[in-house]
Each structure stands twice: as structure tokens, then as C-alpha cells.
Protein backbone atom coordinates (compact mmCIF):
# COMPACT_ATOMS: atom_id res chain seq x y z
CA MET A 1 36.21 -16.91 -16.41
CA ASN A 2 34.36 -20.11 -15.81
CA GLN A 3 30.94 -20.46 -14.40
CA THR A 4 32.40 -21.38 -10.97
CA GLU A 5 34.21 -18.23 -10.83
CA VAL A 6 32.06 -16.07 -12.14
CA LYS A 7 29.19 -17.78 -9.05
CA THR A 8 32.55 -16.73 -6.32
CA PHE A 9 32.77 -13.70 -7.71
CA VAL A 10 29.20 -12.72 -7.82
CA VAL A 11 29.21 -13.91 -3.81
CA SER A 12 32.21 -12.08 -2.77
CA LEU A 13 30.90 -9.40 -4.45
CA LEU A 14 27.15 -9.42 -2.49
CA ASP A 15 28.85 -10.13 0.64
CA ILE A 16 31.25 -7.15 0.31
CA THR A 17 28.06 -4.63 -0.46
CA GLY A 18 26.28 -6.34 2.52
CA LEU A 19 23.51 -7.35 0.17
CA LYS A 20 24.14 -11.22 0.94
CA LYS A 21 22.85 -10.43 4.57
CA ILE A 22 19.48 -8.64 3.39
CA LEU A 23 18.85 -11.34 0.48
CA THR A 24 19.15 -13.95 3.41
CA SER A 25 17.20 -12.33 5.47
CA ILE A 26 14.24 -11.06 2.60
CA SER A 27 14.40 -15.04 1.95
CA ALA A 28 14.06 -16.13 5.39
CA THR A 29 10.92 -14.52 5.97
CA LEU A 30 9.67 -15.06 2.97
CA ILE A 31 10.25 -18.78 3.62
CA SER A 32 8.82 -18.09 7.39
CA PHE A 33 5.60 -16.54 6.22
CA GLY A 34 2.68 -18.45 7.32
CA VAL A 35 -1.22 -18.42 6.59
CA ASN A 36 -1.86 -16.55 9.45
CA ASP A 37 0.64 -13.60 8.63
CA PHE A 38 -0.94 -13.79 4.89
CA ALA A 39 -4.56 -13.59 6.36
CA GLN A 40 -3.38 -10.64 8.68
CA LEU A 41 -1.42 -9.25 5.60
CA MET A 42 -4.88 -9.48 3.77
CA ALA A 43 -7.07 -7.80 6.88
CA ILE A 44 -4.33 -4.83 6.74
CA PHE A 45 -4.80 -4.15 2.84
CA VAL A 46 -8.83 -4.53 3.41
CA GLY A 47 -8.95 -2.11 6.21
CA ILE A 48 -6.63 0.33 4.28
CA VAL A 49 -8.82 0.01 1.41
CA SER A 50 -12.18 0.49 3.20
CA GLY A 51 -10.34 3.79 5.19
CA LEU A 52 -9.57 5.40 1.84
CA MET A 53 -13.12 4.64 0.88
CA ALA A 54 -14.87 5.81 3.93
CA ILE A 55 -12.97 9.02 3.07
CA ARG A 56 -13.56 9.22 -0.69
CA HIS A 57 -17.88 8.57 0.63
CA TYR A 58 -17.10 11.38 3.40
CA ASN A 59 -15.58 13.91 0.60
CA VAL A 60 -18.40 13.55 -1.78
CA ALA A 61 -21.35 13.48 0.57
CA THR A 62 -19.90 16.88 2.10
CA LYS A 63 -19.49 18.17 -1.83
CA LEU A 64 -23.36 17.02 -2.97
CA ASN A 65 -24.52 18.15 0.80
CA GLN A 66 -23.28 21.94 0.03
CA ALA A 67 -23.93 21.75 -3.77
CA LYS A 68 -27.79 20.69 -2.19
CA LEU A 69 -27.37 24.00 0.27
CA ASP A 70 -26.24 26.56 -2.22
CA LYS A 71 -28.98 25.74 -5.04
CA LEU A 72 -31.79 25.71 -1.96
CA ILE A 73 -30.03 29.21 -0.97
CA SER A 74 -29.92 30.25 -4.95
CA GLN A 75 -33.78 29.44 -5.07
CA GLN A 76 -34.76 31.14 -1.66
CA ASP A 77 -33.31 34.02 -3.17
CA SER A 78 -34.97 33.88 -6.23
CA THR A 79 -38.69 33.78 -5.02
CA LEU A 80 -37.49 36.89 -2.65
């Protein structure tokens, strides 16, 4: 098989499986991806990371407060 036949075979195989349409759609999306879209994507990413950090901070602060409370209760029990 020469190079032209291989290309034709690959294209027809992609067309049969429906991957040609998917690849065309993905490439068109990537080509039309502008600066504003990139900025929105970055804003979404920053928002998700900030939210995860806030949840982690809340979790750590809650555990720390519980540990302080347990220590205070144990000190009060030992003084009684």
C-alpha cells in the first residue's frame, strides 16, 4: 500500500466510526477558541481552586477548634 491508499483507508475508517465528525468538531472548537474564552476558562479554574481551598480551610479550622475545645475540657476536668 502506498501513502495515498493509507490516507484514504484511514479517512474512510474514521468516517465509518464517526470519529471524523468528532475530530472536526474538536478542531473547530479549538480554532474558534478566543482570548475571552481562555479568560473565562481561567476564571472558572481559579474559582474552583479557591472553593476547594476554602473547604480545606474550613475543615482544618473545625478540627483545630475541636482540639482546642477538647484540651480546654480536659484541663477543666483535671482541675476539678
